[in-house]
Amino acid sequence: MFSKTYRFDFARVRGLFAPRKPRHPLLRLALGLVGVAVLCLLVVVGVFVGAAMIVGGLLFKLLRQRGQPVANSRVVEGEYRVLRKPVLPLSR
């Protein structure tokens, strides 16, 4: 019985998917500007999505508390007396 061993050459496949910069300077500049524009677009969209999530959370919290009384459960009522600061004797 004769069996063949096949070796898969990754160098050819790696060359197919390797990003290469174009040689023409204007095309390089144009692709760089497109990349920067896509990056700016993603940042702006991310900021607006984050702001919308914060505003949505605040609205949800306000609407959930709409029918409830305004009493704060963390308030402690009591009587207080203000004490004077003790006077230190003058040093000689």
Protein backbone atom coordinates (compact mmCIF):
# COMPACT_ATOMS: atom_id res chain seq x y z
CA MET A 1 0.00 0.00 0.00
CA PHE A 2 1.29 3.41 -0.93
CA SER A 3 0.14 6.53 0.88
CA LYS A 4 0.92 10.08 -0.05
CA THR A 5 1.42 12.80 2.48
CA TYR A 6 0.11 16.19 1.48
CA ARG A 7 1.72 19.25 2.93
CA PHE A 8 -0.41 22.35 2.85
CA ASP A 9 1.72 25.34 1.95
CA PHE A 10 0.60 28.31 4.03
CA ALA A 11 2.90 30.74 2.23
CA ARG A 12 0.64 30.79 -0.84
CA VAL A 13 -2.52 31.26 1.19
CA ARG A 14 -0.94 33.93 3.37
CA GLY A 15 0.00 35.86 0.25
CA LEU A 16 -3.60 35.87 -0.95
CA PHE A 17 -4.98 37.59 2.15
CA ALA A 18 -2.06 39.83 3.11
CA PRO A 19 -2.99 43.51 2.96
CA ARG A 20 -0.74 45.34 0.54
CA LYS A 21 -0.52 49.08 0.08
CA PRO A 22 -0.99 50.33 -3.46
CA ARG A 23 2.08 51.73 -5.16
CA HIS A 24 0.48 54.84 -6.59
CA PRO A 25 0.89 57.74 -4.12
CA LEU A 26 -2.50 59.31 -4.83
CA LEU A 27 -4.28 55.99 -4.41
CA ARG A 28 -2.40 55.46 -1.15
CA LEU A 29 -3.48 58.88 0.07
CA ALA A 30 -7.09 58.27 -0.98
CA LEU A 31 -7.24 54.92 0.81
CA GLY A 32 -5.67 56.48 3.91
CA LEU A 33 -8.30 59.21 3.91
CA VAL A 34 -11.06 56.63 3.46
CA GLY A 35 -9.68 54.73 6.45
CA VAL A 36 -9.59 57.87 8.61
CA ALA A 37 -13.14 58.76 7.51
CA VAL A 38 -14.40 55.28 8.45
CA LEU A 39 -12.67 55.56 11.81
CA CYS A 40 -14.26 58.97 12.48
CA LEU A 41 -17.65 57.64 11.44
CA LEU A 42 -17.35 54.73 13.87
CA VAL A 43 -16.33 57.06 16.71
CA VAL A 44 -19.25 59.43 16.05
CA VAL A 45 -21.73 56.55 15.83
CA GLY A 46 -20.32 55.11 19.07
CA VAL A 47 -20.70 58.44 20.87
CA PHE A 48 -24.31 58.82 19.71
CA VAL A 49 -25.17 55.25 20.64
CA GLY A 50 -23.63 55.75 24.08
CA ALA A 51 -25.50 59.02 24.61
CA ALA A 52 -28.75 57.40 23.50
CA MET A 53 -28.21 54.56 25.97
CA ILE A 54 -27.62 57.01 28.83
CA VAL A 55 -30.66 59.11 27.93
CA GLY A 56 -32.78 55.96 27.53
CA GLY A 57 -31.70 54.72 30.96
CA LEU A 58 -32.53 58.05 32.57
CA LEU A 59 -35.95 58.16 30.89
CA PHE A 60 -36.65 54.59 31.96
CA LYS A 61 -35.74 55.46 35.54
CA LEU A 62 -37.92 58.59 35.50
CA LEU A 63 -40.90 56.77 34.00
CA ARG A 64 -40.58 53.93 36.48
CA GLN A 65 -40.77 56.39 39.41
CA ARG A 66 -43.65 58.40 37.96
CA GLY A 67 -46.51 57.11 40.16
CA GLN A 68 -44.55 56.71 43.40
CA PRO A 69 -44.35 59.22 46.25
CA VAL A 70 -41.31 61.42 46.50
CA ALA A 71 -40.31 60.40 50.06
CA ASN A 72 -36.66 59.57 50.55
CA SER A 73 -36.14 56.44 52.63
CA ARG A 74 -32.59 57.39 53.59
CA VAL A 75 -33.60 60.52 55.57
CA VAL A 76 -33.17 60.25 59.33
CA GLU A 77 -35.25 62.67 61.37
CA GLY A 78 -34.03 63.81 64.76
CA GLU A 79 -33.21 66.72 67.01
CA TYR A 80 -29.76 68.16 66.93
CA ARG A 81 -27.87 70.52 69.21
CA VAL A 82 -24.92 72.57 67.98
CA LEU A 83 -21.96 72.45 70.31
CA ARG A 84 -19.46 75.28 70.51
CA LYS A 85 -15.87 74.66 69.68
CA PRO A 86 -13.79 74.55 72.86
CA VAL A 87 -11.52 77.56 73.18
CA LEU A 88 -7.86 76.73 73.52
CA PRO A 89 -5.81 78.74 76.01
CA LEU A 90 -3.30 81.14 74.53
CA SER A 91 0.20 79.77 74.41
CA ARG A 92 2.80 81.80 76.31
